[in-house]
Amino acid sequence: MGTQEELKVAVGEAWARLAHAAAQEVPPGEVDGVWVFRAIRQELREFGTAVLSRVDGDRRRIYTARYIHTIKGKERGKFSATVQEVGSGPVEALETLIRGVEKRADDEIPTRVEPASWF
């Protein structure tokens, strides 16, 4: 993916809002990987999850960024986001860490997005 506009088309406006929230918690210049899981719609809301990888010195930190977006009803447009550090390891452990994320996500393979496009 290239531009922010392409990202919005690919995964929706809510993802752009989540990226903005993540940038408030994690320095975008240190993020070297972003993986976006398929959004799930249930009743009046949409739920989305992304995984971010950040190099911090000799450690790699992994974050989960989630959003809940109300898409119908009286609270339509309501949006909340959370960003939480969920693990860390040696810098070279990225593939092992991501495989662990995929395994815990019932083998759903997330879409990799270039950090420069996501932020």
PDB file of N, CA and C in Angstrom:
ATOM      1  N   MET A   1       0.837  -1.174   0.000  1.00  0.00           N
ATOM      2  CA  MET A   1       0.000   0.000   0.000  1.00  0.00           C
ATOM      3  C   MET A   1       0.878   1.231   0.000  1.00  0.00           C
ATOM      4  N   GLY A   2       0.350   2.291  -0.564  1.00  0.00           N
ATOM      5  CA  GLY A   2       1.171   3.463  -0.689  1.00  0.00           C
ATOM      6  C   GLY A   2       0.750   4.620   0.182  1.00  0.00           C
ATOM      7  N   THR A   3      -0.353   5.251  -0.143  1.00  0.00           N
ATOM      8  CA  THR A   3      -0.728   6.495   0.520  1.00  0.00           C
ATOM      9  C   THR A   3      -1.758   6.255   1.619  1.00  0.00           C
ATOM     10  N   GLN A   4      -1.977   7.261   2.420  1.00  0.00           N
ATOM     11  CA  GLN A   4      -2.991   7.191   3.471  1.00  0.00           C
ATOM     12  C   GLN A   4      -4.370   6.977   2.848  1.00  0.00           C
ATOM     13  N   GLU A   5      -4.619   7.589   1.695  1.00  0.00           N
ATOM     14  CA  GLU A   5      -5.910   7.408   1.028  1.00  0.00           C
ATOM     15  C   GLU A   5      -6.107   5.954   0.612  1.00  0.00           C
ATOM     16  N   GLU A   6      -5.045   5.307   0.091  1.00  0.00           N
ATOM     17  CA  GLU A   6      -5.148   3.897  -0.274  1.00  0.00           C
ATOM     18  C   GLU A   6      -5.446   3.051   0.954  1.00  0.00           C
ATOM     19  N   LEU A   7      -4.829   3.396   2.071  1.00  0.00           N
ATOM     20  CA  LEU A   7      -5.076   2.653   3.298  1.00  0.00           C
ATOM     21  C   LEU A   7      -6.532   2.781   3.721  1.00  0.00           C
ATOM     22  N   LYS A   8      -7.093   3.979   3.655  1.00  0.00           N
ATOM     23  CA  LYS A   8      -8.488   4.177   4.033  1.00  0.00           C
ATOM     24  C   LYS A   8      -9.408   3.325   3.176  1.00  0.00           C
ATOM     25  N   VAL A   9      -9.136   3.276   1.890  1.00  0.00           N
ATOM     26  CA  VAL A   9      -9.954   2.471   0.988  1.00  0.00           C
ATOM     27  C   VAL A   9      -9.819   0.995   1.326  1.00  0.00           C
ATOM     28  N   ALA A  10      -8.596   0.559   1.637  1.00  0.00           N
ATOM     29  CA  ALA A  10      -8.338  -0.856   1.892  1.00  0.00           C
ATOM     30  C   ALA A  10      -8.949  -1.333   3.202  1.00  0.00           C
ATOM     31  N   VAL A  11      -8.907  -0.522   4.249  1.00  0.00           N
ATOM     32  CA  VAL A  11      -9.360  -1.010   5.535  1.00  0.00           C
ATOM     33  C   VAL A  11     -10.347  -0.103   6.249  1.00  0.00           C
ATOM     34  N   GLY A  12     -10.698   1.034   5.697  1.00  0.00           N
ATOM     35  CA  GLY A  12     -11.736   1.870   6.263  1.00  0.00           C
ATOM     36  C   GLY A  12     -11.249   3.046   7.078  1.00  0.00           C
ATOM     37  N   GLU A  13     -12.119   4.010   7.216  1.00  0.00           N
ATOM     38  CA  GLU A  13     -11.816   5.234   7.966  1.00  0.00           C
ATOM     39  C   GLU A  13     -11.484   4.937   9.425  1.00  0.00           C
ATOM     40  N   ALA A  14     -12.111   3.924  10.003  1.00  0.00           N
ATOM     41  CA  ALA A  14     -11.841   3.601  11.406  1.00  0.00           C
ATOM     42  C   ALA A  14     -10.377   3.247  11.616  1.00  0.00           C
ATOM     43  N   TRP A  15      -9.767   2.617  10.615  1.00  0.00           N
ATOM     44  CA  TRP A  15      -8.342   2.267  10.748  1.00  0.00           C
ATOM     45  C   TRP A  15      -7.474   3.522  10.799  1.00  0.00           C
ATOM     46  N   ALA A  16      -7.817   4.529  10.037  1.00  0.00           N
ATOM     47  CA  ALA A  16      -7.064   5.776  10.075  1.00  0.00           C
ATOM     48  C   ALA A  16      -7.187   6.419  11.455  1.00  0.00           C
ATOM     49  N   ARG A  17      -8.352   6.324  12.053  1.00  0.00           N
ATOM     50  CA  ARG A  17      -8.545   6.868  13.395  1.00  0.00           C
ATOM     51  C   ARG A  17      -7.749   6.065  14.424  1.00  0.00           C
ATOM     52  N   LEU A  18      -7.696   4.750  14.242  1.00  0.00           N
ATOM     53  CA  LEU A  18      -6.901   3.918  15.140  1.00  0.00           C
ATOM     54  C   LEU A  18      -5.416   4.237  14.994  1.00  0.00           C
ATOM     55  N   ALA A  19      -4.964   4.432  13.772  1.00  0.00           N
ATOM     56  CA  ALA A  19      -3.560   4.783  13.546  1.00  0.00           C
ATOM     57  C   ALA A  19      -3.216   6.088  14.245  1.00  0.00           C
ATOM     58  N   HIS A  20      -4.131   7.049  14.198  1.00  0.00           N
ATOM     59  CA  HIS A  20      -3.909   8.323  14.886  1.00  0.00           C
ATOM     60  C   HIS A  20      -3.794   8.104  16.397  1.00  0.00           C
ATOM     61  N   ALA A  21      -4.673   7.277  16.950  1.00  0.00           N
ATOM     62  CA  ALA A  21      -4.622   6.986  18.386  1.00  0.00           C
ATOM     63  C   ALA A  21      -3.324   6.259  18.743  1.00  0.00           C
ATOM     64  N   ALA A  22      -2.896   5.333  17.897  1.00  0.00           N
ATOM     65  CA  ALA A  22      -1.657   4.591  18.155  1.00  0.00           C
ATOM     66  C   ALA A  22      -0.453   5.528  18.138  1.00  0.00           C
ATOM     67  N   ALA A  23      -0.475   6.508  17.247  1.00  0.00           N
ATOM     68  CA  ALA A  23       0.637   7.456  17.142  1.00  0.00           C
ATOM     69  C   ALA A  23       0.781   8.302  18.404  1.00  0.00           C
ATOM     70  N   GLN A  24      -0.273   8.419  19.187  1.00  0.00           N
ATOM     71  CA  GLN A  24      -0.205   9.152  20.446  1.00  0.00           C
ATOM     72  C   GLN A  24       0.491   8.333  21.540  1.00  0.00           C
ATOM     73  N   GLU A  25       0.523   7.007  21.359  1.00  0.00           N
ATOM     74  CA  GLU A  25       1.086   6.107  22.369  1.00  0.00           C
ATOM     75  C   GLU A  25       2.451   5.530  21.990  1.00  0.00           C
ATOM     76  N   VAL A  26       2.678   5.342  20.699  1.00  0.00           N
ATOM     77  CA  VAL A  26       3.886   4.689  20.200  1.00  0.00           C
ATOM     78  C   VAL A  26       4.526   5.609  19.165  1.00  0.00           C
ATOM     79  N   PRO A  27       5.819   5.941  19.300  1.00  0.00           N
ATOM     80  CA  PRO A  27       6.450   6.830  18.318  1.00  0.00           C
ATOM     81  C   PRO A  27       6.426   6.216  16.908  1.00  0.00           C
ATOM     82  N   PRO A  28       5.712   6.807  15.963  1.00  0.00           N
ATOM     83  CA  PRO A  28       5.589   6.219  14.623  1.00  0.00           C
ATOM     84  C   PRO A  28       6.938   5.942  13.948  1.00  0.00           C
ATOM     85  N   GLY A  29       7.944   6.769  14.200  1.00  0.00           N
ATOM     86  CA  GLY A  29       9.251   6.572  13.587  1.00  0.00           C
ATOM     87  C   GLY A  29       9.973   5.328  14.061  1.00  0.00           C
ATOM     88  N   GLU A  30       9.539   4.757  15.182  1.00  0.00           N
ATOM     89  CA  GLU A  30      10.155   3.543  15.718  1.00  0.00           C
ATOM     90  C   GLU A  30       9.391   2.284  15.335  1.00  0.00           C
ATOM     91  N   VAL A  31       8.220   2.439  14.726  1.00  0.00           N
ATOM     92  CA  VAL A  31       7.408   1.282  14.340  1.00  0.00           C
ATOM     93  C   VAL A  31       7.943   0.733  13.020  1.00  0.00           C
ATOM     94  N   ASP A  32       8.300  -0.550  13.026  1.00  0.00           N
ATOM     95  CA  ASP A  32       8.841  -1.163  11.806  1.00  0.00           C
ATOM     96  C   ASP A  32       7.905  -2.198  11.190  1.00  0.00           C
ATOM     97  N   GLY A  33       6.722  -2.394  11.782  1.00  0.00           N
ATOM     98  CA  GLY A  33       5.759  -3.316  11.205  1.00  0.00           C
ATOM     99  C   GLY A  33       4.367  -3.077  11.750  1.00  0.00           C
ATOM    100  N   VAL A  34       3.372  -3.181  10.864  1.00  0.00           N
ATOM    101  CA  VAL A  34       1.965  -3.071  11.242  1.00  0.00           C
ATOM    102  C   VAL A  34       1.219  -4.197  10.535  1.00  0.00           C
ATOM    103  N   TRP A  35       0.403  -4.932  11.292  1.00  0.00           N
ATOM    104  CA  TRP A  35      -0.423  -5.995  10.740  1.00  0.00           C
ATOM    105  C   TRP A  35      -1.861  -5.731  11.145  1.00  0.00           C
ATOM    106  N   VAL A  36      -2.759  -5.745  10.172  1.00  0.00           N
ATOM    107  CA  VAL A  36      -4.164  -5.416  10.386  1.00  0.00           C
ATOM    108  C   VAL A  36      -5.001  -6.676  10.197  1.00  0.00           C
ATOM    109  N   PHE A  37      -5.808  -6.990  11.193  1.00  0.00           N
ATOM    110  CA  PHE A  37      -6.732  -8.120  11.102  1.00  0.00           C
ATOM    111  C   PHE A  37      -8.053  -7.655  10.508  1.00  0.00           C
ATOM    112  N   ARG A  38      -8.762  -8.552   9.916  1.00  0.00           N
ATOM    113  CA  ARG A  38     -10.066  -8.254   9.327  1.00  0.00           C
ATOM    114  C   ARG A  38     -10.995  -7.702  10.406  1.00  0.00           C
ATOM    115  N   ALA A  39     -11.652  -6.594  10.104  1.00  0.00           N
ATOM    116  CA  ALA A  39     -12.605  -6.001  11.045  1.00  0.00           C
ATOM    117  C   ALA A  39     -13.823  -6.902  11.166  1.00  0.00           C
ATOM    118  N   ILE A  40     -14.412  -6.896  12.337  1.00  0.00           N
ATOM    119  CA  ILE A  40     -15.589  -7.724  12.611  1.00  0.00           C
ATOM    120  C   ILE A  40     -16.745  -6.800  12.970  1.00  0.00           C
ATOM    121  N   ARG A  41     -17.881  -7.018  12.317  1.00  0.00           N
ATOM    122  CA  ARG A  41     -19.091  -6.249  12.631  1.00  0.00           C
ATOM    123  C   ARG A  41     -20.048  -7.143  13.402  1.00  0.00           C
ATOM    124  N   GLN A  42     -20.512  -6.614  14.534  1.00  0.00           N
ATOM    125  CA  GLN A  42     -21.500  -7.309  15.345  1.00  0.00           C
ATOM    126  C   GLN A  42     -22.560  -6.300  15.749  1.00  0.00           C
ATOM    127  N   GLU A  43     -23.762  -6.592  15.360  1.00  0.00           N
ATOM    128  CA  GLU A  43     -24.900  -5.741  15.670  1.00  0.00           C
ATOM    129  C   GLU A  43     -24.627  -4.299  15.264  1.00  0.00           C
ATOM    130  N   LEU A  44     -24.488  -3.392  16.221  1.00  0.00           N
ATOM    131  CA  LEU A  44     -24.361  -1.973  15.913  1.00  0.00           C
ATOM    132  C   LEU A  44     -22.919  -1.492  15.827  1.00  0.00           C
ATOM    133  N   ARG A  45     -21.960  -2.388  16.078  1.00  0.00           N
ATOM    134  CA  ARG A  45     -20.569  -1.938  16.180  1.00  0.00           C
ATOM    135  C   ARG A  45     -19.620  -2.730  15.282  1.00  0.00           C
ATOM    136  N   GLU A  46     -18.492  -2.087  15.012  1.00  0.00           N
ATOM    137  CA  GLU A  46     -17.400  -2.717  14.276  1.00  0.00           C
ATOM    138  C   GLU A  46     -16.191  -2.751  15.213  1.00  0.00           C
ATOM    139  N   PHE A  47     -15.482  -3.878  15.198  1.00  0.00           N
ATOM    140  CA  PHE A  47     -14.315  -4.076  16.039  1.00  0.00           C
ATOM    141  C   PHE A  47     -13.110  -4.337  15.149  1.00  0.00           C
ATOM    142  N   GLY A  48     -12.003  -3.683  15.440  1.00  0.00           N
ATOM    143  CA  GLY A  48     -10.798  -3.883  14.655  1.00  0.00           C
ATOM    144  C   GLY A  48      -9.575  -4.041  15.537  1.00  0.00           C
ATOM    145  N   THR A  49      -8.615  -4.822  15.052  1.00  0.00           N
ATOM    146  CA  THR A  49      -7.376  -5.058  15.789  1.00  0.00           C
ATOM    147  C   THR A  49      -6.196  -4.965  14.844  1.00  0.00           C
ATOM    148  N   ALA A  50      -5.159  -4.304  15.307  1.00  0.00           N
ATOM    149  CA  ALA A  50      -3.890  -4.241  14.586  1.00  0.00           C
ATOM    150  C   ALA A  50      -2.774  -4.573  15.568  1.00  0.00           C
ATOM    151  N   VAL A  51      -1.688  -5.112  15.033  1.00  0.00           N
ATOM    152  CA  VAL A  51      -0.493  -5.403  15.823  1.00  0.00           C
ATOM    153  C   VAL A  51       0.620  -4.522  15.297  1.00  0.00           C
ATOM    154  N   LEU A  52       1.344  -3.874  16.217  1.00  0.00           N
ATOM    155  CA  LEU A  52       2.450  -3.005  15.842  1.00  0.00           C
ATOM    156  C   LEU A  52       3.738  -3.548  16.441  1.00  0.00           C
ATOM    157  N   SER A  53       4.809  -3.444  15.686  1.00  0.00           N
ATOM    158  CA  SER A  53       6.133  -3.839  16.138  1.00  0.00           C
ATOM    159  C   SER A  53       7.000  -2.595  16.197  1.00  0.00           C
ATOM    160  N   ARG A  54       7.687  -2.442  17.317  1.00  0.00           N
ATOM    161  CA  ARG A  54       8.517  -1.247  17.534  1.00  0.00           C
ATOM    162  C   ARG A  54       9.898  -1.680  18.010  1.00  0.00           C
ATOM    163  N   VAL A  55      10.938  -1.142  17.388  1.00  0.00           N
ATOM    164  CA  VAL A  55      12.291  -1.393  17.846  1.00  0.00           C
ATOM    165  C   VAL A  55      12.647  -0.314  18.857  1.00  0.00           C
ATOM    166  N   ASP A  56      13.035  -0.766  20.048  1.00  0.00           N
ATOM    167  CA  ASP A  56      13.385   0.135  21.143  1.00  0.00           C
ATOM    168  C   ASP A  56      14.744  -0.322  21.675  1.00  0.00           C
ATOM    169  N   GLY A  57      15.814   0.250  21.131  1.00  0.00           N
ATOM    170  CA  GLY A  57      17.156  -0.181  21.508  1.00  0.00           C
ATOM    171  C   GLY A  57      17.422  -1.586  21.003  1.00  0.00           C
ATOM    172  N   ASP A  58      17.761  -2.502  21.908  1.00  0.00           N
ATOM    173  CA  ASP A  58      18.023  -3.887  21.507  1.00  0.00           C
ATOM    174  C   ASP A  58      16.807  -4.783  21.714  1.00  0.00           C
ATOM    175  N   ARG A  59      15.654  -4.190  21.962  1.00  0.00           N
ATOM    176  CA  ARG A  59      14.419  -4.946  22.179  1.00  0.00           C
ATOM    177  C   ARG A  59      13.386  -4.618  21.119  1.00  0.00           C
ATOM    178  N   ARG A  60      12.548  -5.576  20.859  1.00  0.00           N
ATOM    179  CA  ARG A  60      11.394  -5.371  19.992  1.00  0.00           C
ATOM    180  C   ARG A  60      10.170  -5.417  20.886  1.00  0.00           C
ATOM    181  N   ARG A  61       9.354  -4.394  20.804  1.00  0.00           N
ATOM    182  CA  ARG A  61       8.132  -4.328  21.604  1.00  0.00           C
ATOM    183  C   ARG A  61       6.936  -4.528  20.679  1.00  0.00           C
ATOM    184  N   ILE A  62       5.982  -5.315  21.136  1.00  0.00           N
ATOM    185  CA  ILE A  62       4.787  -5.618  20.355  1.00  0.00           C
ATOM    186  C   ILE A  62       3.583  -5.006  21.056  1.00  0.00           C
ATOM    187  N   TYR A  63       2.762  -4.316  20.265  1.00  0.00           N
ATOM    188  CA  TYR A  63       1.573  -3.640  20.783  1.00  0.00           C
ATOM    189  C   TYR A  63       0.337  -4.154  20.052  1.00  0.00           C
ATOM    190  N   THR A  64      -0.756  -4.198  20.775  1.00  0.00           N
ATOM    191  CA  THR A  64      -2.053  -4.469  20.171  1.00  0.00           C
ATOM    192  C   THR A  64      -2.846  -3.169  20.221  1.00  0.00           C
ATOM    193  N   ALA A  65      -3.337  -2.750  19.066  1.00  0.00           N
ATOM    194  CA  ALA A  65      -4.178  -1.554  18.964  1.00  0.00           C
ATOM    195  C   ALA A  65      -5.569  -2.021  18.552  1.00  0.00           C
ATOM    196  N   ARG A  66      -6.582  -1.598  19.295  1.00  0.00           N
ATOM    197  CA  ARG A  66      -7.956  -2.031  19.026  1.00  0.00           C
ATOM    198  C   ARG A  66      -8.887  -0.832  18.971  1.00  0.00           C
ATOM    199  N   TYR A  67      -9.929  -1.009  18.166  1.00  0.00           N
ATOM    200  CA  TYR A  67     -10.962   0.031  18.155  1.00  0.00           C
ATOM    201  C   TYR A  67     -12.337  -0.598  18.211  1.00  0.00           C
ATOM    202  N   ILE A  68     -13.277   0.206  18.690  1.00  0.00           N
ATOM    203  CA  ILE A  68     -14.703  -0.108  18.631  1.00  0.00           C
ATOM    204  C   ILE A  68     -15.363   1.116  18.018  1.00  0.00           C
ATOM    205  N   HIS A  69     -16.073   0.894  16.925  1.00  0.00           N
ATOM    206  CA  HIS A  69     -16.722   1.991  16.213  1.00  0.00           C
ATOM    207  C   HIS A  69     -18.209   1.665  16.090  1.00  0.00           C
ATOM    208  N   THR A  70     -19.042   2.531  16.643  1.00  0.00           N
ATOM    209  CA  THR A  70     -20.491   2.335  16.539  1.00  0.00           C
ATOM    210  C   THR A  70     -20.925   2.809  15.161  1.00  0.00           C
ATOM    211  N   ILE A  71     -21.522   1.896  14.392  1.00  0.00           N
ATOM    212  CA  ILE A  71     -21.858   2.202  13.000  1.00  0.00           C
ATOM    213  C   ILE A  71     -23.355   2.415  12.764  1.00  0.00           C
ATOM    214  N   LYS A  72     -24.175   2.064  13.758  1.00  0.00           N
ATOM    215  CA  LYS A  72     -25.619   2.254  13.628  1.00  0.00           C
ATOM    216  C   LYS A  72     -26.193   2.621  14.983  1.00  0.00           C
ATOM    217  N   GLY A  73     -27.394   3.146  14.965  1.00  0.00           N
ATOM    218  CA  GLY A  73     -28.098   3.431  16.206  1.00  0.00           C
ATOM    219  C   GLY A  73     -27.881   4.841  16.721  1.00  0.00           C
ATOM    220  N   LYS A  74     -28.373   5.085  17.939  1.00  0.00           N
ATOM    221  CA  LYS A  74     -28.323   6.405  18.549  1.00  0.00           C
ATOM    222  C   LYS A  74     -26.902   6.915  18.732  1.00  0.00           C
ATOM    223  N   GLU A  75     -25.958   6.028  18.986  1.00  0.00           N
ATOM    224  CA  GLU A  75     -24.570   6.436  19.238  1.00  0.00           C
ATOM    225  C   GLU A  75     -23.697   6.321  17.999  1.00  0.00           C
ATOM    226  N   ARG A  76     -24.314   6.315  16.847  1.00  0.00           N
ATOM    227  CA  ARG A  76     -23.574   6.189  15.591  1.00  0.00           C
ATOM    228  C   ARG A  76     -22.424   7.203  15.540  1.00  0.00           C
ATOM    229  N   GLY A  77     -21.261   6.709  15.131  1.00  0.00           N
ATOM    230  CA  GLY A  77     -20.082   7.556  15.044  1.00  0.00           C
ATOM    231  C   GLY A  77     -19.180   7.497  16.266  1.00  0.00           C
ATOM    232  N   LYS A  78     -19.699   6.967  17.376  1.00  0.00           N
ATOM    233  CA  LYS A  78     -18.873   6.855  18.584  1.00  0.00           C
ATOM    234  C   LYS A  78     -17.683   5.951  18.290  1.00  0.00           C
ATOM    235  N   PHE A  79     -16.509   6.356  18.780  1.00  0.00           N
ATOM    236  CA  PHE A  79     -15.275   5.631  18.487  1.00  0.00           C
ATOM    237  C   PHE A  79     -14.411   5.593  19.734  1.00  0.00           C
ATOM    238  N   SER A  80     -13.887   4.425  20.040  1.00  0.00           N
ATOM    239  CA  SER A  80     -12.918   4.322  21.132  1.00  0.00           C
ATOM    240  C   SER A  80     -11.766   3.437  20.675  1.00  0.00           C
ATOM    241  N   ALA A  81     -10.580   3.747  21.189  1.00  0.00           N
ATOM    242  CA  ALA A  81      -9.386   3.002  20.805  1.00  0.00           C
ATOM    243  C   ALA A  81      -8.517   2.752  22.029  1.00  0.00           C
ATOM    244  N   THR A  82      -7.823   1.620  22.024  1.00  0.00           N
ATOM    245  CA  THR A  82      -6.852   1.307  23.065  1.00  0.00           C
ATOM    246  C   THR A  82      -5.581   0.801  22.394  1.00  0.00           C
ATOM    247  N   VAL A  83      -4.457   1.103  23.016  1.00  0.00           N
ATOM    248  CA  VAL A  83      -3.163   0.607  22.570  1.00  0.00           C
ATOM    249  C   VAL A  83      -2.473   0.041  23.798  1.00  0.00           C
ATOM    250  N   GLN A  84      -2.053  -1.225  23.695  1.00  0.00           N
ATOM    251  CA  GLN A  84      -1.476  -1.888  24.850  1.00  0.00           C
ATOM    252  C   GLN A  84      -0.232  -2.666  24.436  1.00  0.00           C
ATOM    253  N   GLU A  85       0.843  -2.513  25.196  1.00  0.00           N
ATOM    254  CA  GLU A  85       2.025  -3.337  24.953  1.00  0.00           C
ATOM    255  C   GLU A  85       1.718  -4.738  25.450  1.00  0.00           C
ATOM    256  N   VAL A  86       1.940  -5.734  24.580  1.00  0.00           N
ATOM    257  CA  VAL A  86       1.583  -7.109  24.920  1.00  0.00           C
ATOM    258  C   VAL A  86       2.772  -8.048  24.985  1.00  0.00           C
ATOM    259  N   GLY A  87       3.952  -7.569  24.620  1.00  0.00           N
ATOM    260  CA  GLY A  87       5.118  -8.436  24.697  1.00  0.00           C
ATOM    261  C   GLY A  87       6.359  -7.741  24.194  1.00  0.00           C
ATOM    262  N   SER A  88       7.493  -8.390  24.465  1.00  0.00           N
ATOM    263  CA  SER A  88       8.755  -7.883  23.953  1.00  0.00           C
ATOM    264  C   SER A  88       9.722  -9.046  23.829  1.00  0.00           C
ATOM    265  N   GLY A  89      10.768  -8.816  23.067  1.00  0.00           N
ATOM    266  CA  GLY A  89      11.772  -9.844  22.859  1.00  0.00           C
ATOM    267  C   GLY A  89      12.956  -9.255  22.134  1.00  0.00           C
ATOM    268  N   PRO A  90      13.915 -10.095  21.797  1.00  0.00           N
ATOM    269  CA  PRO A  90      15.064  -9.611  21.036  1.00  0.00           C
ATOM    270  C   PRO A  90      14.620  -9.063  19.680  1.00  0.00           C
ATOM    271  N   VAL A  91      15.350  -8.103  19.160  1.00  0.00           N
ATOM    272  CA  VAL A  91      15.001  -7.473  17.884  1.00  0.00           C
ATOM    273  C   VAL A  91      14.803  -8.507  16.787  1.00  0.00           C
ATOM    274  N   GLU A  92      15.651  -9.523  16.749  1.00  0.00           N
ATOM    275  CA  GLU A  92      15.587 -10.515  15.663  1.00  0.00           C
ATOM    276  C   GLU A  92      14.435 -11.514  15.818  1.00  0.00           C
ATOM    277  N   ALA A  93      13.634 -11.404  16.854  1.00  0.00           N
ATOM    278  CA  ALA A  93      12.564 -12.368  17.115  1.00  0.00           C
ATOM    279  C   ALA A  93      11.243 -12.013  16.451  1.00  0.00           C
ATOM    280  N   LEU A  94      11.219 -11.093  15.501  1.00  0.00           N
ATOM    281  CA  LEU A  94       9.959 -10.619  14.920  1.00  0.00           C
ATOM    282  C   LEU A  94       9.113 -11.744  14.335  1.00  0.00           C
ATOM    283  N   GLU A  95       9.680 -12.575  13.487  1.00  0.00           N
ATOM    284  CA  GLU A  95       8.875 -13.627  12.836  1.00  0.00           C
ATOM    285  C   GLU A  95       8.273 -14.579  13.861  1.00  0.00           C
ATOM    286  N   THR A  96       9.027 -14.931  14.892  1.00  0.00           N
ATOM    287  CA  THR A  96       8.510 -15.812  15.940  1.00  0.00           C
ATOM    288  C   THR A  96       7.356 -15.148  16.680  1.00  0.00           C
ATOM    289  N   LEU A  97       7.514 -13.868  17.000  1.00  0.00           N
ATOM    290  CA  LEU A  97       6.458 -13.145  17.705  1.00  0.00           C
ATOM    291  C   LEU A  97       5.189 -13.049  16.860  1.00  0.00           C
ATOM    292  N   ILE A  98       5.335 -12.761  15.573  1.00  0.00           N
ATOM    293  CA  ILE A  98       4.159 -12.634  14.697  1.00  0.00           C
ATOM    294  C   ILE A  98       3.480 -13.987  14.500  1.00  0.00           C
ATOM    295  N   ARG A  99       4.248 -15.061  14.367  1.00  0.00           N
ATOM    296  CA  ARG A  99       3.636 -16.394  14.266  1.00  0.00           C
ATOM    297  C   ARG A  99       2.807 -16.695  15.509  1.00  0.00           C
ATOM    298  N   GLY A 100       3.295 -16.279  16.676  1.00  0.00           N
ATOM    299  CA  GLY A 100       2.538 -16.467  17.910  1.00  0.00           C
ATOM    300  C   GLY A 100       1.239 -15.691  17.903  1.00  0.00           C
ATOM    301  N   VAL A 101       1.264 -14.482  17.372  1.00  0.00           N
ATOM    302  CA  VAL A 101       0.045 -13.672  17.255  1.00  0.00           C
ATOM    303  C   VAL A 101      -0.946 -14.379  16.335  1.00  0.00           C
ATOM    304  N   GLU A 102      -0.478 -14.868  15.188  1.00  0.00           N
ATOM    305  CA  GLU A 102      -1.362 -15.545  14.235  1.00  0.00           C
ATOM    306  C   GLU A 102      -1.970 -16.798  14.856  1.00  0.00           C
ATOM    307  N   LYS A 103      -1.177 -17.534  15.603  1.00  0.00           N
ATOM    308  CA  LYS A 103      -1.679 -18.766  16.222  1.00  0.00           C
ATOM    309  C   LYS A 103      -2.785 -18.459  17.225  1.00  0.00           C
ATOM    310  N   ARG A 104      -2.592 -17.419  18.024  1.00  0.00           N
ATOM    311  CA  ARG A 104      -3.607 -17.048  19.010  1.00  0.00           C
ATOM    312  C   ARG A 104      -4.847 -16.462  18.341  1.00  0.00           C
ATOM    313  N   ALA A 105      -4.741 -16.051  17.101  1.00  0.00           N
ATOM    314  CA  ALA A 105      -5.874 -15.455  16.378  1.00  0.00           C
ATOM    315  C   ALA A 105      -6.558 -16.489  15.489  1.00  0.00           C
ATOM    316  N   ASP A 106      -6.543 -17.746  15.905  1.00  0.00           N
ATOM    317  CA  ASP A 106      -7.201 -18.823  15.156  1.00  0.00           C
ATOM    318  C   ASP A 106      -6.708 -18.924  13.722  1.00  0.00           C
ATOM    319  N   ASP A 107      -5.416 -18.758  13.540  1.00  0.00           N
ATOM    320  CA  ASP A 107      -4.767 -18.916  12.241  1.00  0.00           C
ATOM    321  C   ASP A 107      -5.185 -17.890  11.198  1.00  0.00           C
ATOM    322  N   GLU A 108      -5.891 -16.843  11.586  1.00  0.00           N
ATOM    323  CA  GLU A 108      -6.186 -15.772  10.639  1.00  0.00           C
ATOM    324  C   GLU A 108      -4.888 -15.031  10.356  1.00  0.00           C
ATOM    325  N   ILE A 109      -4.579 -14.862   9.106  1.00  0.00           N
ATOM    326  CA  ILE A 109      -3.355 -14.169   8.734  1.00  0.00           C
ATOM    327  C   ILE A 109      -3.680 -12.698   8.523  1.00  0.00           C
ATOM    328  N   PRO A 110      -3.056 -11.826   9.323  1.00  0.00           N
ATOM    329  CA  PRO A 110      -3.328 -10.397   9.165  1.00  0.00           C
ATOM    330  C   PRO A 110      -2.655  -9.849   7.914  1.00  0.00           C
ATOM    331  N   THR A 111      -3.122  -8.696   7.475  1.00  0.00           N
ATOM    332  CA  THR A 111      -2.549  -8.007   6.319  1.00  0.00           C
ATOM    333  C   THR A 111      -1.446  -7.087   6.801  1.00  0.00           C
ATOM    334  N   ARG A 112      -0.262  -7.245   6.225  1.00  0.00           N
ATOM    335  CA  ARG A 112       0.843  -6.353   6.582  1.00  0.00           C
ATOM    336  C   ARG A 112       0.665  -5.016   5.861  1.00  0.00           C
ATOM    337  N   VAL A 113       0.832  -3.933   6.607  1.00  0.00           N
ATOM    338  CA  VAL A 113       0.711  -2.579   6.077  1.00  0.00           C
ATOM    339  C   VAL A 113       2.019  -1.857   6.389  1.00  0.00           C
ATOM    340  N   GLU A 114       2.534  -1.145   5.425  1.00  0.00           N
ATOM    341  CA  GLU A 114       3.750  -0.382   5.671  1.00  0.00           C
ATOM    342  C   GLU A 114       3.480   0.710   6.707  1.00  0.00           C
ATOM    343  N   PRO A 115       4.310   0.798   7.747  1.00  0.00           N
ATOM    344  CA  PRO A 115       4.075   1.816   8.779  1.00  0.00           C
ATOM    345  C   PRO A 115       3.937   3.228   8.228  1.00  0.00           C
ATOM    346  N   ALA A 116       4.738   3.588   7.247  1.00  0.00           N
ATOM    347  CA  ALA A 116       4.654   4.940   6.682  1.00  0.00           C
ATOM    348  C   ALA A 116       3.281   5.197   6.072  1.00  0.00           C
ATOM    349  N   SER A 117       2.647   4.177   5.535  1.00  0.00           N
ATOM    350  CA  SER A 117       1.295   4.322   4.966  1.00  0.00           C
ATOM    351  C   SER A 117       0.236   4.358   6.073  1.00  0.00           C
ATOM    352  N   TRP A 118       0.455   3.573   7.111  1.00  0.00           N
ATOM    353  CA  TRP A 118      -0.550   3.453   8.167  1.00  0.00           C
ATOM    354  C   TRP A 118      -0.622   4.715   9.006  1.00  0.00           C
ATOM    355  N   PHE A 119       0.536   5.267   9.339  1.00  0.00           N
ATOM    356  CA  PHE A 119       0.562   6.503  10.134  1.00  0.00           C
ATOM    357  C   PHE A 119       0.414   7.663   9.199  1.00  0.00           C
TER     358      PHE A 119
END
